[in-house]
Amino acid sequence: MVNQELAGQSLDAAAMARAQQAVDALVQRYIDIQAAPAAFNGQRILLKLDTTAPGGTPQVALEMSPELEDQIIEAQRLAHQQAAMRQ
C-alpha cells in the first residue's frame, strides 16, 4: 500500500504525507471492522524517510509502536511454526 501511494513520485514531504494518510486510513479501517482490535487500537505506524541507506537511495522506513511490532513478530513466529509442522 505504501509502495502504491509512492510509486512514480519523488519522496518529498507531500508524497510522504499522502502515504502516511493512507497508512493511517488502513489502520483505522482495521479498527473499524474490528479486525484484531487489540492489535491495532491505540497503536501507530509512522513512515520515515531514511536517507542513510547504502547507495544514497532514499527509502521509506516503518516505525511502529513497540506493542504492535511485538504482535507482528509473534504472528510471524507462529506462522513459521505452523508452516514447519505441515512439512
C-alpha atoms as a PDB file:
ATOM      1  CA  MET A   1       0.000   0.000   0.000  1.00  0.00           C
ATOM      2  CA  VAL A   2       2.834   2.406   0.816  1.00  0.00           C
ATOM      3  CA  ASN A   3       4.519   1.408  -2.439  1.00  0.00           C
ATOM      4  CA  GLN A   4       1.303   2.143  -4.353  1.00  0.00           C
ATOM      5  CA  GLU A   5       0.998   5.568  -2.777  1.00  0.00           C
ATOM      6  CA  LEU A   6       4.621   6.477  -3.534  1.00  0.00           C
ATOM      7  CA  ALA A   7       5.019   4.784  -6.925  1.00  0.00           C
ATOM      8  CA  GLY A   8       6.456   7.035  -9.599  1.00  0.00           C
ATOM      9  CA  GLN A   9       6.859  10.003  -7.261  1.00  0.00           C
ATOM     10  CA  SER A  10       9.813  11.696  -5.708  1.00  0.00           C
ATOM     11  CA  LEU A  11       9.997  11.118  -1.992  1.00  0.00           C
ATOM     12  CA  ASP A  12       9.197  14.641  -0.900  1.00  0.00           C
ATOM     13  CA  ALA A  13       7.229  15.845   2.120  1.00  0.00           C
ATOM     14  CA  ALA A  14       3.928  15.927   0.213  1.00  0.00           C
ATOM     15  CA  ALA A  15       4.329  12.340  -1.027  1.00  0.00           C
ATOM     16  CA  MET A  16       5.259  11.141   2.456  1.00  0.00           C
ATOM     17  CA  ALA A  17       2.217  12.931   3.916  1.00  0.00           C
ATOM     18  CA  ARG A  18      -0.090  11.219   1.389  1.00  0.00           C
ATOM     19  CA  ALA A  19       1.449   7.838   2.150  1.00  0.00           C
ATOM     20  CA  GLN A  20       1.111   8.431   5.900  1.00  0.00           C
ATOM     21  CA  GLN A  21      -2.558   9.317   5.418  1.00  0.00           C
ATOM     22  CA  ALA A  22      -3.051   6.040   3.530  1.00  0.00           C
ATOM     23  CA  VAL A  23      -1.389   4.059   6.343  1.00  0.00           C
ATOM     24  CA  ASP A  24      -3.463   5.868   8.971  1.00  0.00           C
ATOM     25  CA  ALA A  25      -6.638   5.139   6.993  1.00  0.00           C
ATOM     26  CA  LEU A  26      -5.735   1.448   6.724  1.00  0.00           C
ATOM     27  CA  VAL A  27      -5.086   1.135  10.458  1.00  0.00           C
ATOM     28  CA  GLN A  28      -8.376   2.924  11.154  1.00  0.00           C
ATOM     29  CA  ARG A  29     -10.159   0.574   8.751  1.00  0.00           C
ATOM     30  CA  TYR A  30      -8.829  -2.445  10.688  1.00  0.00           C
ATOM     31  CA  ILE A  31     -10.110  -0.849  13.896  1.00  0.00           C
ATOM     32  CA  ASP A  32     -13.490  -0.006  12.347  1.00  0.00           C
ATOM     33  CA  ILE A  33     -14.117  -3.544  11.111  1.00  0.00           C
ATOM     34  CA  GLN A  34     -12.918  -4.988  14.412  1.00  0.00           C
ATOM     35  CA  ALA A  35     -10.100  -6.954  12.731  1.00  0.00           C
ATOM     36  CA  ALA A  36      -7.940  -7.798  15.728  1.00  0.00           C
ATOM     37  CA  PRO A  37      -8.940  -4.651  17.616  1.00  0.00           C
ATOM     38  CA  ALA A  38      -6.499  -5.411  20.423  1.00  0.00           C
ATOM     39  CA  ALA A  39      -3.676  -5.404  17.889  1.00  0.00           C
ATOM     40  CA  PHE A  40      -4.455  -2.043  16.301  1.00  0.00           C
ATOM     41  CA  ASN A  41      -6.407   0.032  18.815  1.00  0.00           C
ATOM     42  CA  GLY A  42      -4.140   2.775  20.156  1.00  0.00           C
ATOM     43  CA  GLN A  43      -1.181   1.654  18.051  1.00  0.00           C
ATOM     44  CA  ARG A  44       0.745   3.625  15.456  1.00  0.00           C
ATOM     45  CA  ILE A  45       2.701   3.113  12.280  1.00  0.00           C
ATOM     46  CA  LEU A  46       4.809   6.090  11.268  1.00  0.00           C
ATOM     47  CA  LEU A  47       6.540   6.476   7.932  1.00  0.00           C
ATOM     48  CA  LYS A  48      10.000   7.998   7.965  1.00  0.00           C
ATOM     49  CA  LEU A  49      12.295   8.848   5.107  1.00  0.00           C
ATOM     50  CA  ASP A  50      15.654   7.109   5.539  1.00  0.00           C
ATOM     51  CA  THR A  51      18.341   8.902   3.553  1.00  0.00           C
ATOM     52  CA  THR A  52      21.229   6.949   5.072  1.00  0.00           C
ATOM     53  CA  ALA A  53      20.684   3.804   3.008  1.00  0.00           C
ATOM     54  CA  PRO A  54      23.668   2.380   1.127  1.00  0.00           C
ATOM     55  CA  GLY A  55      23.889   3.780  -2.377  1.00  0.00           C
ATOM     56  CA  GLY A  56      22.268   7.026  -1.303  1.00  0.00           C
ATOM     57  CA  THR A  57      18.805   5.982  -2.470  1.00  0.00           C
ATOM     58  CA  PRO A  58      16.166   7.246  -0.032  1.00  0.00           C
ATOM     59  CA  GLN A  59      13.913   4.565   1.397  1.00  0.00           C
ATOM     60  CA  VAL A  60      10.733   4.640   3.413  1.00  0.00           C
ATOM     61  CA  ALA A  61      11.075   3.073   6.860  1.00  0.00           C
ATOM     62  CA  LEU A  62       8.186   1.986   9.060  1.00  0.00           C
ATOM     63  CA  GLU A  63       8.292   2.837  12.741  1.00  0.00           C
ATOM     64  CA  MET A  64       5.679   1.004  14.781  1.00  0.00           C
ATOM     65  CA  SER A  65       4.652   1.244  18.367  1.00  0.00           C
ATOM     66  CA  PRO A  66       6.503  -1.436  20.370  1.00  0.00           C
ATOM     67  CA  GLU A  67       3.285  -3.317  21.162  1.00  0.00           C
ATOM     68  CA  LEU A  68       2.282  -3.592  17.508  1.00  0.00           C
ATOM     69  CA  GLU A  69       5.778  -4.626  16.485  1.00  0.00           C
ATOM     70  CA  ASP A  70       5.815  -7.365  19.155  1.00  0.00           C
ATOM     71  CA  GLN A  71       2.429  -8.648  17.966  1.00  0.00           C
ATOM     72  CA  ILE A  72       3.608  -8.780  14.342  1.00  0.00           C
ATOM     73  CA  ILE A  73       6.788 -10.625  15.299  1.00  0.00           C
ATOM     74  CA  GLU A  74       4.776 -13.144  17.332  1.00  0.00           C
ATOM     75  CA  ALA A  75       2.305 -13.681  14.462  1.00  0.00           C
ATOM     76  CA  GLN A  76       5.211 -14.296  12.077  1.00  0.00           C
ATOM     77  CA  ARG A  77       6.783 -16.756  14.528  1.00  0.00           C
ATOM     78  CA  LEU A  78       3.517 -18.688  14.811  1.00  0.00           C
ATOM     79  CA  ALA A  79       3.062 -18.731  11.038  1.00  0.00           C
ATOM     80  CA  HIS A  80       6.575 -20.111  10.530  1.00  0.00           C
ATOM     81  CA  GLN A  81       5.992 -22.700  13.241  1.00  0.00           C
ATOM     82  CA  GLN A  82       2.726 -23.831  11.642  1.00  0.00           C
ATOM     83  CA  ALA A  83       4.328 -23.992   8.191  1.00  0.00           C
ATOM     84  CA  ALA A  84       7.151 -26.129   9.547  1.00  0.00           C
ATOM     85  CA  MET A  85       4.667 -28.539  11.170  1.00  0.00           C
ATOM     86  CA  ARG A  86       2.857 -29.029   7.840  1.00  0.00           C
ATOM     87  CA  GLN A  87       6.026 -30.177   6.101  1.00  0.00           C
END
